[in-house]
Amino acid sequence: MVCDEPAGRDGPVAGDGARPKDDAALRSPVKQRRDHARSATWTRRLAVTALVLAALNLRPVVTSLGPVLEEARAALGMSGTIAGLLTSVPAVCFALVGSAAPRLARRFGPDGVVFAGMAAVALGLAVRPFVGTTPVFLTLSGLALAGIAVANVLLPVVVKQRFPDKVGMMTGLYSMALNLGASTAAAVTVPLAGAFGGDWRAGLGAWAVLAAVAVPPWAALARDGRRQAGHQAGHQAGQRTGREATPGAERAARGDAPAEAGTAVRVARSPVAWALALFFGLQSSSAYVIIGWLPQIFRDAGLSAETAGLLFAVTSVLGVPLSFLLAAVAGRLRNQSGIAVLLGAFGLAGYAGVWAAPAAAPWLWAVLLGVANCAFPLVLTMIAMRGRDGATVIRLSAFAQSVGYLLSVPGPILVGALYQHTGGWHGPLALVVCLMAAQTAAGYFAGRDRQV
C-alpha cells in the first residue's frame, strides 16, 4: 500500500516551498560579501580620518608654545635654562616612551595604544596652560608628549595594517597633515590668544579641542582591531587542528612580529647604523632649536610676536611639498650623500644669516632653515634603504631613532643656557652652526651606498 507523503517533503507543493529557501541560500554569500565590502570601506574611511587627525596633533604641543614662550616664562617664572630643557623634553619622550610602544602594541594592539596616546595629548593640552608652576607645566607637557611618542612610532604600523596596498600614499598623507598641524599651531596660537583678550593660556589650551576630536575615531579603530585580531587568532587556532593559538600568532593577528634578538646586536655594531643615529640626532637637535627658539630670536631682533610666529610657520609649511619631493628623489638614488650635504649647506646659510642680521632678511632665513629642516624625511628614507631586509629595517629604525633622539637632547638645553648667560644670540647660534656642520658630515657618511 502506497501512502501519500506528508506535505513539505516531496511533490510539487514541497518543491515550490523549497525553491525560495535554495534561492536565499544562494543569495546569502553574495549578501555577506556585499556587507563585508561595505564594512571594509567604512573602516578604511574611518582609518583615514583617524590617521589624519592623529597626525595633525603630533606637533602643536611643541610648536604652539614657541610664539608665546616669552609670556609663559614670565607667568611661570621660568629661566632660560628651563625653557631650553622644555624644548628638549620632546626628544626625551620620543626616545624613552617611544621605545616602549612596540611592547604596548603587542599587548593592547596598535590602535588601542594610539587611542590612549591621543587621550593623553588632549588631557595634557587642556590642563597645562592653567597651572601656576613650572614643574607641573613640564609634567603635563611630558604627558602630552608621551602620547605623541607612541603615536609617532605606531602610525606607520597602522598604515601597513590598514592600507597594505597604499603605504606610500597614506604615509605621504599623514606626513602632510603633520606639517600642516605644526605650521598652523605656530601661526595661529598668537591670534587665538588675541581673540581671548591676549591670554596666552587660552591660545595654548585651544589646541586641546583638536586633540579631543581625534580620540573617538581611534576608539572605534581600537574596537575594530580587537575584533579582527580575535577572528584571525581563532582562525589560526582552528588551522592548528585543535591546538591553541600561540602568543606569536595573536601578535601576528595584530600585525606585530617578534624580532630576533641577534639582529639588535649586529645593528648596534654597524658604523652605518651609528652614522644614521648621529645624523638623526643632529637634525632633530636643529629642528628643536628652530621650534623652541627661532620665534624668540626674531622677537629679540625687534619683530612682532605675530610675525615671528608666521616666520616659524614658513619653516614647517615648506616641509609639506618638500617631504614628498625628497622621498621621491632619494628613493631613486643609491647614494643620498649629496642631498644630505645640500641640506646642510642650506642650514649653514640660514643660521649664518640669523647670526649676522636676523631682521635684515627674515623671510629668506626662514626659507633656508625650512629647507634644511627637511632632513627628517631624508633620514627616514635612508633608514629604509640601508637595511637588507624588513626585519633589519625595523631594528635599524628603532636604533637610529632612540639613540638619535637621546643625542639631540643637549643641543636645545645648551642653546638656552648660553642665551641666559650671554644675554644674546651670537654664542648660541655659533654652537648651532657647529652642530649643523657635524650633521652635514654625518649625513654624508649615512647616505653612502652601504647596507647593514
Protein backbone atom coordinates (compact mmCIF):
# COMPACT_ATOMS: atom_id res chain seq x y z
CA MET A 1 0.00 0.00 0.00
CA VAL A 2 1.38 3.35 -1.05
CA CYS A 3 0.74 6.27 1.28
CA ASP A 4 0.90 9.94 0.43
CA GLU A 5 3.93 11.72 1.80
CA PRO A 6 3.30 14.49 4.32
CA ALA A 7 3.21 17.97 2.95
CA GLY A 8 6.56 19.77 2.91
CA ARG A 9 8.63 16.72 1.93
CA ASP A 10 8.37 15.80 -1.79
CA GLY A 11 5.88 16.66 -4.54
CA PRO A 12 5.01 19.83 -6.35
CA VAL A 13 3.97 21.77 -3.29
CA ALA A 14 7.07 20.79 -1.35
CA GLY A 15 9.33 21.63 -4.30
CA ASP A 16 7.79 25.09 -4.67
CA GLY A 17 8.30 25.71 -0.98
CA ALA A 18 11.95 24.65 -1.08
CA ARG A 19 12.93 26.84 -4.03
CA PRO A 20 12.79 30.15 -2.12
CA LYS A 21 14.96 28.59 0.59
CA ASP A 22 17.51 27.49 -2.04
CA ASP A 23 17.47 30.99 -3.60
CA ALA A 24 18.01 32.55 -0.19
CA ALA A 25 20.88 30.18 0.43
CA LEU A 26 22.43 31.22 -2.89
CA ARG A 27 21.90 34.90 -2.20
CA SER A 28 23.27 34.73 1.34
CA PRO A 29 27.01 34.56 0.41
CA VAL A 30 26.53 37.38 -2.07
CA LYS A 31 24.84 39.49 0.56
CA GLN A 32 27.55 38.63 3.07
CA ARG A 33 30.25 39.71 0.62
CA ARG A 34 28.45 42.98 -0.01
CA ASP A 35 28.05 43.60 3.70
CA HIS A 36 31.71 42.81 4.24
CA ALA A 37 32.74 45.17 1.43
CA ARG A 38 30.62 47.97 2.88
CA SER A 39 32.07 47.34 6.33
CA ALA A 40 35.62 47.32 4.96
CA THR A 41 35.02 50.57 3.08
CA TRP A 42 33.63 52.24 6.19
CA THR A 43 36.58 51.01 8.27
CA ARG A 44 39.11 52.30 5.74
CA ARG A 45 37.44 55.70 5.69
CA LEU A 46 37.45 55.73 9.47
CA ALA A 47 41.15 54.82 9.44
CA VAL A 48 41.94 57.65 7.01
CA THR A 49 40.13 60.12 9.25
CA ALA A 50 41.86 58.81 12.37
CA LEU A 51 45.31 58.93 10.76
CA VAL A 52 44.89 62.49 9.55
CA LEU A 53 43.53 63.70 12.91
CA ALA A 54 46.34 61.99 14.82
CA ALA A 55 48.99 63.46 12.52
CA LEU A 56 47.54 66.94 12.93
CA ASN A 57 48.14 66.58 16.68
CA LEU A 58 51.74 65.32 16.55
CA ARG A 59 53.35 68.78 16.71
CA PRO A 60 51.05 71.52 18.13
CA VAL A 61 52.10 70.53 21.68
CA VAL A 62 55.55 71.91 20.80
CA THR A 63 55.02 74.42 18.01
CA SER A 64 52.21 76.30 19.76
CA LEU A 65 54.50 77.15 22.69
CA GLY A 66 57.31 78.92 20.83
CA PRO A 67 55.32 82.04 19.80
CA VAL A 68 54.12 82.64 23.40
CA LEU A 69 57.20 81.30 25.21
CA GLU A 70 58.12 84.77 26.49
CA GLU A 71 54.69 85.21 28.13
CA ALA A 72 54.75 81.67 29.53
CA ARG A 73 58.21 82.18 31.02
CA ALA A 74 57.13 85.44 32.68
CA ALA A 75 53.96 83.90 34.12
CA LEU A 76 55.64 80.75 35.40
CA GLY A 77 58.96 82.28 36.45
CA MET A 78 60.79 80.00 34.01
CA SER A 79 64.52 80.53 33.48
CA GLY A 80 66.22 80.36 30.11
CA THR A 81 67.85 77.05 31.03
CA ILE A 82 64.50 75.52 31.98
CA ALA A 83 62.99 76.85 28.76
CA GLY A 84 65.78 75.11 26.88
CA LEU A 85 65.00 71.94 28.84
CA LEU A 86 61.37 72.28 27.75
CA THR A 87 62.45 72.24 24.11
CA SER A 88 64.38 69.01 24.81
CA VAL A 89 61.53 67.19 26.57
CA PRO A 90 60.05 66.01 23.23
CA ALA A 91 63.28 64.25 22.30
CA VAL A 92 63.48 62.53 25.71
CA CYS A 93 59.87 61.36 25.46
CA PHE A 94 60.29 60.16 21.89
CA ALA A 95 63.40 58.17 22.84
CA LEU A 96 62.19 56.65 26.11
CA VAL A 97 58.42 56.35 25.74
CA GLY A 98 58.63 55.58 22.02
CA SER A 99 60.85 52.58 22.74
CA ALA A 100 58.03 51.06 24.82
CA ALA A 101 55.47 51.42 22.01
CA PRO A 102 56.16 48.03 20.35
CA ARG A 103 55.67 46.19 23.65
CA LEU A 104 52.47 48.11 24.36
CA ALA A 105 51.22 47.35 20.85
CA ARG A 106 51.81 43.63 21.31
CA ARG A 107 49.68 43.69 24.43
CA PHE A 108 46.91 46.14 23.52
CA GLY A 109 47.15 46.45 19.74
CA PRO A 110 48.49 49.48 17.85
CA ASP A 111 45.07 51.11 17.51
CA GLY A 112 44.41 50.89 21.24
CA VAL A 113 47.78 52.39 22.13
CA VAL A 114 47.33 55.30 19.71
CA PHE A 115 43.84 55.85 21.18
CA ALA A 116 45.37 56.12 24.66
CA GLY A 117 48.08 58.40 23.26
CA MET A 118 45.55 60.80 21.73
CA ALA A 119 43.65 60.89 25.03
CA ALA A 120 46.90 61.77 26.84
CA VAL A 121 47.59 64.55 24.32
CA ALA A 122 44.12 66.03 24.82
CA LEU A 123 44.41 65.92 28.62
CA GLY A 124 47.89 67.42 28.73
CA LEU A 125 46.99 70.24 26.35
CA ALA A 126 43.77 71.04 28.17
CA VAL A 127 45.30 71.33 31.64
CA ARG A 128 48.89 72.55 31.23
CA PRO A 129 48.13 76.21 30.33
CA PHE A 130 46.19 76.75 33.54
CA VAL A 131 48.76 75.57 36.11
CA GLY A 132 50.82 78.02 38.10
CA THR A 133 54.21 76.35 38.50
CA THR A 134 56.93 75.30 36.08
CA PRO A 135 57.28 71.67 37.34
CA VAL A 136 53.58 70.93 36.82
CA PHE A 137 53.69 72.62 33.41
CA LEU A 138 56.63 70.42 32.43
CA THR A 139 54.88 67.30 33.76
CA LEU A 140 51.72 67.92 31.76
CA SER A 141 53.77 68.74 28.69
CA GLY A 142 55.52 65.40 29.21
CA LEU A 143 52.15 63.62 29.41
CA ALA A 144 51.06 65.07 26.08
CA LEU A 145 54.45 64.32 24.53
CA ALA A 146 54.31 60.72 25.77
CA GLY A 147 51.06 60.31 23.87
CA ILE A 148 52.71 61.76 20.77
CA ALA A 149 55.72 59.44 21.20
CA VAL A 150 53.70 56.22 20.98
CA ALA A 151 51.65 57.58 18.07
CA ASN A 152 54.83 58.63 16.28
CA VAL A 153 56.13 55.08 16.39
CA LEU A 154 52.89 53.23 15.67
CA LEU A 155 51.27 55.27 12.90
CA PRO A 156 53.49 53.58 10.26
CA VAL A 157 52.39 50.21 11.67
CA VAL A 158 48.74 51.19 11.37
CA VAL A 159 49.32 52.31 7.78
CA LYS A 160 50.85 48.93 6.89
CA GLN A 161 47.98 47.07 8.56
CA ARG A 162 45.09 49.12 7.23
CA PHE A 163 46.48 50.14 3.82
CA PRO A 164 48.96 47.46 2.68
CA ASP A 165 48.34 48.42 -0.95
CA LYS A 166 48.69 52.19 -0.42
CA VAL A 167 51.51 52.57 2.08
CA GLY A 168 53.27 55.36 0.18
CA MET A 169 50.15 57.43 -0.41
CA MET A 170 48.92 57.15 3.16
CA THR A 171 52.36 57.88 4.60
CA GLY A 172 52.51 60.99 2.43
CA LEU A 173 49.01 61.99 3.56
CA TYR A 174 49.74 61.83 7.27
CA SER A 175 53.17 63.44 6.76
CA MET A 176 51.43 66.35 5.07
CA ALA A 177 48.93 66.55 7.93
CA LEU A 178 51.80 66.53 10.44
CA ASN A 179 53.45 69.52 8.81
CA LEU A 180 50.11 71.28 8.46
CA GLY A 181 49.39 70.87 12.16
CA ALA A 182 52.84 72.12 13.10
CA SER A 183 52.70 75.22 10.92
CA THR A 184 49.11 76.08 11.79
CA ALA A 185 49.80 75.92 15.53
CA ALA A 186 52.82 78.18 15.10
CA ALA A 187 50.93 80.74 13.04
CA VAL A 188 47.55 80.75 14.80
CA THR A 189 48.39 80.49 18.53
CA VAL A 190 49.06 84.22 18.97
CA PRO A 191 45.88 85.29 17.07
CA LEU A 192 43.90 82.77 19.13
CA ALA A 193 45.29 84.31 22.30
CA GLY A 194 44.35 87.74 20.96
CA ALA A 195 40.79 86.57 20.37
CA PHE A 196 40.58 85.74 24.09
CA GLY A 197 41.81 89.15 25.25
CA GLY A 198 45.51 88.47 24.78
CA ASP A 199 45.52 85.49 27.18
CA TRP A 200 48.38 83.18 26.17
CA ARG A 201 46.86 80.39 28.25
CA ALA A 202 43.72 80.33 26.11
CA GLY A 203 45.84 80.33 22.95
CA LEU A 204 47.68 77.21 24.13
CA GLY A 205 44.64 75.46 25.59
CA ALA A 206 42.61 75.82 22.40
CA TRP A 207 44.65 73.05 20.77
CA ALA A 208 43.16 70.54 23.22
CA VAL A 209 39.95 70.73 21.17
CA LEU A 210 41.73 69.40 18.07
CA ALA A 211 43.27 66.58 20.12
CA ALA A 212 39.89 65.68 21.65
CA VAL A 213 38.36 65.35 18.17
CA ALA A 214 40.97 62.66 17.35
CA VAL A 215 40.01 60.43 20.29
CA PRO A 216 36.65 58.93 19.14
CA PRO A 217 37.89 57.65 15.73
CA TRP A 218 40.77 55.85 17.42
CA ALA A 219 38.43 54.34 20.00
CA ALA A 220 36.38 52.92 17.12
CA LEU A 221 39.50 51.64 15.35
CA ALA A 222 40.70 50.01 18.58
CA ARG A 223 37.41 48.08 18.84
CA ASP A 224 37.70 47.04 15.19
CA GLY A 225 41.33 45.99 15.72
CA ARG A 226 40.39 43.78 18.68
CA ARG A 227 37.58 42.19 16.64
CA GLN A 228 39.88 41.46 13.70
CA ALA A 229 42.60 40.10 15.97
CA GLY A 230 40.10 37.80 17.65
CA HIS A 231 38.78 36.48 14.34
CA GLN A 232 42.23 35.89 12.91
CA ALA A 233 43.56 34.28 16.08
CA GLY A 234 40.54 31.98 16.14
CA HIS A 235 41.07 31.06 12.50
CA GLN A 236 44.72 30.28 13.14
CA ALA A 237 43.78 28.21 16.18
CA GLY A 238 41.38 26.19 14.02
CA GLN A 239 44.09 25.55 11.45
CA ARG A 240 46.30 24.09 14.16
CA THR A 241 43.89 21.11 14.49
CA GLY A 242 42.81 21.70 18.00
CA ARG A 243 45.96 23.27 19.36
CA GLU A 244 45.66 26.70 20.98
CA ALA A 245 46.91 29.74 19.10
CA THR A 246 50.33 30.79 20.28
CA PRO A 247 51.08 34.29 21.59
CA GLY A 248 53.12 34.79 18.44
CA ALA A 249 50.04 34.03 16.32
CA GLU A 250 47.99 36.51 18.33
CA ARG A 251 50.67 39.15 17.80
CA ALA A 252 50.74 38.39 14.11
CA ALA A 253 46.97 38.86 14.01
CA ARG A 254 47.51 42.39 15.22
CA GLY A 255 50.33 42.97 12.74
CA ASP A 256 53.13 42.64 15.33
CA ALA A 257 56.02 40.31 14.56
CA PRO A 258 58.63 39.38 17.18
CA ALA A 259 62.11 40.44 16.15
CA GLU A 260 65.17 38.28 16.57
CA ALA A 261 67.40 39.31 19.45
CA GLY A 262 70.58 38.83 17.46
CA THR A 263 69.63 41.47 14.93
CA ALA A 264 69.82 44.27 17.51
CA VAL A 265 73.41 43.37 18.46
CA ARG A 266 74.54 43.38 14.82
CA VAL A 267 72.85 46.72 14.12
CA ALA A 268 74.38 48.35 17.18
CA ARG A 269 77.85 47.34 15.98
CA SER A 270 77.40 48.73 12.49
CA PRO A 271 79.16 52.01 11.53
CA VAL A 272 76.29 52.69 9.14
CA ALA A 273 73.78 52.45 11.99
CA TRP A 274 75.82 54.88 14.10
CA ALA A 275 76.12 57.31 11.19
CA LEU A 276 72.35 57.20 10.78
CA ALA A 277 71.81 57.66 14.52
CA LEU A 278 74.18 60.64 14.59
CA PHE A 279 72.55 62.21 11.53
CA PHE A 280 69.09 61.62 13.00
CA GLY A 281 70.10 63.10 16.37
CA LEU A 282 71.77 66.21 14.96
CA GLN A 283 68.92 67.00 12.58
CA SER A 284 66.48 66.52 15.48
CA SER A 285 68.55 68.87 17.65
CA SER A 286 68.48 71.51 14.92
CA ALA A 287 64.74 71.05 14.46
CA TYR A 288 64.03 71.52 18.17
CA VAL A 289 66.24 74.60 18.32
CA ILE A 290 64.19 76.05 15.46
CA ILE A 291 60.90 75.02 17.10
CA GLY A 292 61.82 76.27 20.54
CA TRP A 293 63.94 79.33 19.88
CA LEU A 294 63.54 80.71 16.36
CA PRO A 295 60.41 82.80 17.19
CA GLN A 296 62.23 84.23 20.23
CA ILE A 297 65.28 85.08 18.12
CA PHE A 298 63.12 87.07 15.71
CA ARG A 299 61.25 88.77 18.56
CA ASP A 300 64.53 89.79 20.20
CA ALA A 301 65.53 91.27 16.84
CA GLY A 302 62.55 93.62 17.04
CA LEU A 303 59.89 91.70 15.08
CA SER A 304 56.36 91.30 16.46
CA ALA A 305 55.08 88.09 18.00
CA GLU A 306 52.67 87.58 15.09
CA THR A 307 55.43 88.00 12.52
CA ALA A 308 57.74 85.68 14.45
CA GLY A 309 55.02 83.03 14.51
CA LEU A 310 54.46 83.38 10.77
CA LEU A 311 58.18 83.14 10.06
CA PHE A 312 58.39 79.94 12.04
CA ALA A 313 55.29 78.64 10.23
CA VAL A 314 57.20 79.04 6.95
CA THR A 315 59.81 76.56 8.17
CA SER A 316 57.04 73.99 8.74
CA VAL A 317 54.95 74.71 5.64
CA LEU A 318 57.93 74.06 3.37
CA GLY A 319 58.02 70.52 4.72
CA VAL A 320 54.67 69.70 3.09
CA PRO A 321 55.79 69.65 -0.57
CA LEU A 322 59.50 69.06 0.06
CA SER A 323 58.88 65.87 2.06
CA PHE A 324 57.25 64.27 -0.99
CA LEU A 325 59.95 65.57 -3.33
CA LEU A 326 62.87 64.44 -1.17
CA ALA A 327 61.43 60.98 -0.61
CA ALA A 328 60.81 60.54 -4.34
CA VAL A 329 64.29 61.68 -5.36
CA ALA A 330 66.21 59.97 -2.56
CA GLY A 331 64.37 56.69 -3.14
CA ARG A 332 65.66 56.57 -6.72
CA LEU A 333 69.28 57.15 -5.75
CA ARG A 334 71.66 54.56 -4.39
CA ASN A 335 73.65 57.31 -2.65
CA GLN A 336 71.94 60.16 -0.74
CA SER A 337 75.12 61.87 0.50
CA GLY A 338 74.78 64.73 -1.95
CA ILE A 339 71.27 65.56 -0.75
CA ALA A 340 72.40 65.50 2.89
CA VAL A 341 75.27 67.87 2.12
CA LEU A 342 72.98 70.20 0.15
CA LEU A 343 70.50 70.39 3.05
CA GLY A 344 73.40 71.09 5.40
CA ALA A 345 74.52 73.97 3.19
CA PHE A 346 71.02 75.48 3.36
CA GLY A 347 71.11 75.16 7.15
CA LEU A 348 74.54 76.77 7.47
CA ALA A 349 73.44 79.68 5.27
CA GLY A 350 70.22 80.17 7.22
CA TYR A 351 71.89 80.13 10.65
CA ALA A 352 74.66 82.42 9.41
CA GLY A 353 72.05 84.92 8.23
CA VAL A 354 70.20 84.80 11.54
CA TRP A 355 73.52 85.25 13.36
CA ALA A 356 74.62 88.24 11.26
CA ALA A 357 71.36 90.16 10.70
CA PRO A 358 68.14 88.42 11.77
CA ALA A 359 65.89 91.37 10.91
CA ALA A 360 67.55 92.17 7.57
CA ALA A 361 66.04 89.30 5.56
CA PRO A 362 63.98 87.21 8.00
CA TRP A 363 61.85 85.56 5.30
CA LEU A 364 64.97 84.38 3.46
CA TRP A 365 66.46 82.94 6.65
CA ALA A 366 63.16 81.18 7.41
CA VAL A 367 63.05 79.61 3.93
CA LEU A 368 66.67 78.43 4.16
CA LEU A 369 66.10 76.87 7.58
CA GLY A 370 62.80 75.35 6.41
CA VAL A 371 64.61 73.57 3.58
CA ALA A 372 67.32 72.37 5.98
CA ASN A 373 64.62 71.05 8.30
CA CYS A 374 63.60 68.55 5.60
CA ALA A 375 66.46 66.31 6.70
CA PHE A 376 63.86 64.38 8.72
CA PRO A 377 62.14 62.66 5.75
CA LEU A 378 65.58 62.18 4.20
CA VAL A 379 66.92 60.24 7.17
CA LEU A 380 63.78 58.08 7.27
CA THR A 381 64.34 57.23 3.61
CA MET A 382 67.99 56.42 4.34
CA ILE A 383 66.99 54.07 7.16
CA ALA A 384 64.68 52.14 4.84
CA MET A 385 67.38 51.84 2.16
CA ARG A 386 70.27 50.91 4.44
CA GLY A 387 68.57 47.75 5.78
CA ARG A 388 68.99 44.50 3.85
CA ASP A 389 65.51 43.21 4.71
CA GLY A 390 62.35 44.18 6.57
CA ALA A 391 63.45 42.84 9.95
CA THR A 392 66.74 44.74 9.72
CA VAL A 393 64.94 47.95 8.78
CA ILE A 394 62.75 47.65 11.89
CA ARG A 395 65.78 47.20 14.14
CA LEU A 396 67.75 49.90 12.35
CA SER A 397 64.88 52.36 12.67
CA ALA A 398 64.46 51.66 16.37
CA PHE A 399 68.19 52.03 17.00
CA ALA A 400 68.67 55.19 14.93
CA GLN A 401 65.63 56.93 16.38
CA SER A 402 66.12 56.00 20.03
CA VAL A 403 69.85 56.79 20.06
CA GLY A 404 69.33 59.81 17.83
CA TYR A 405 66.67 61.39 20.00
CA LEU A 406 68.85 60.93 23.08
CA LEU A 407 71.78 62.58 21.27
CA SER A 408 69.53 65.52 20.37
CA VAL A 409 68.68 66.39 23.98
CA PRO A 410 71.74 68.53 24.96
CA GLY A 411 71.58 70.90 21.98
CA PRO A 412 68.47 72.97 22.85
CA ILE A 413 69.42 72.97 26.55
CA LEU A 414 72.87 74.38 25.79
CA VAL A 415 71.33 76.99 23.49
CA GLY A 416 69.02 78.13 26.30
CA ALA A 417 71.83 78.19 28.85
CA LEU A 418 74.12 80.19 26.55
CA TYR A 419 71.31 82.62 25.79
CA GLN A 420 70.68 83.18 29.50
CA HIS A 421 74.33 83.68 30.42
CA THR A 422 75.42 85.77 27.43
CA GLY A 423 72.23 87.77 27.00
CA GLY A 424 72.42 87.47 23.22
CA TRP A 425 72.22 85.03 20.34
CA HIS A 426 75.72 85.12 18.84
CA GLY A 427 77.08 82.43 21.17
CA PRO A 428 74.08 80.07 20.90
CA LEU A 429 73.94 80.41 17.12
CA ALA A 430 77.67 79.76 16.80
CA LEU A 431 77.06 76.47 18.65
CA VAL A 432 74.19 75.60 16.31
CA VAL A 433 76.38 76.29 13.27
CA CYS A 434 78.95 73.81 14.62
CA LEU A 435 76.22 71.22 15.14
CA MET A 436 74.96 71.79 11.60
CA ALA A 437 78.47 71.21 10.24
CA ALA A 438 78.63 67.93 12.17
CA GLN A 439 75.17 67.00 10.84
CA THR A 440 76.39 67.56 7.28
CA ALA A 441 79.35 65.26 7.81
CA ALA A 442 77.20 62.56 9.44
CA GLY A 443 74.69 62.81 6.61
CA TYR A 444 77.47 62.31 4.06
CA PHE A 445 78.55 59.04 5.70
CA ALA A 446 74.97 57.88 6.37
CA GLY A 447 73.99 58.48 2.76
CA ARG A 448 76.67 56.29 1.19
CA ASP A 449 75.57 53.11 -0.59
CA ARG A 450 76.15 50.76 2.33
CA GLN A 451 73.82 48.27 3.98
CA VAL A 452 73.53 46.81 7.45
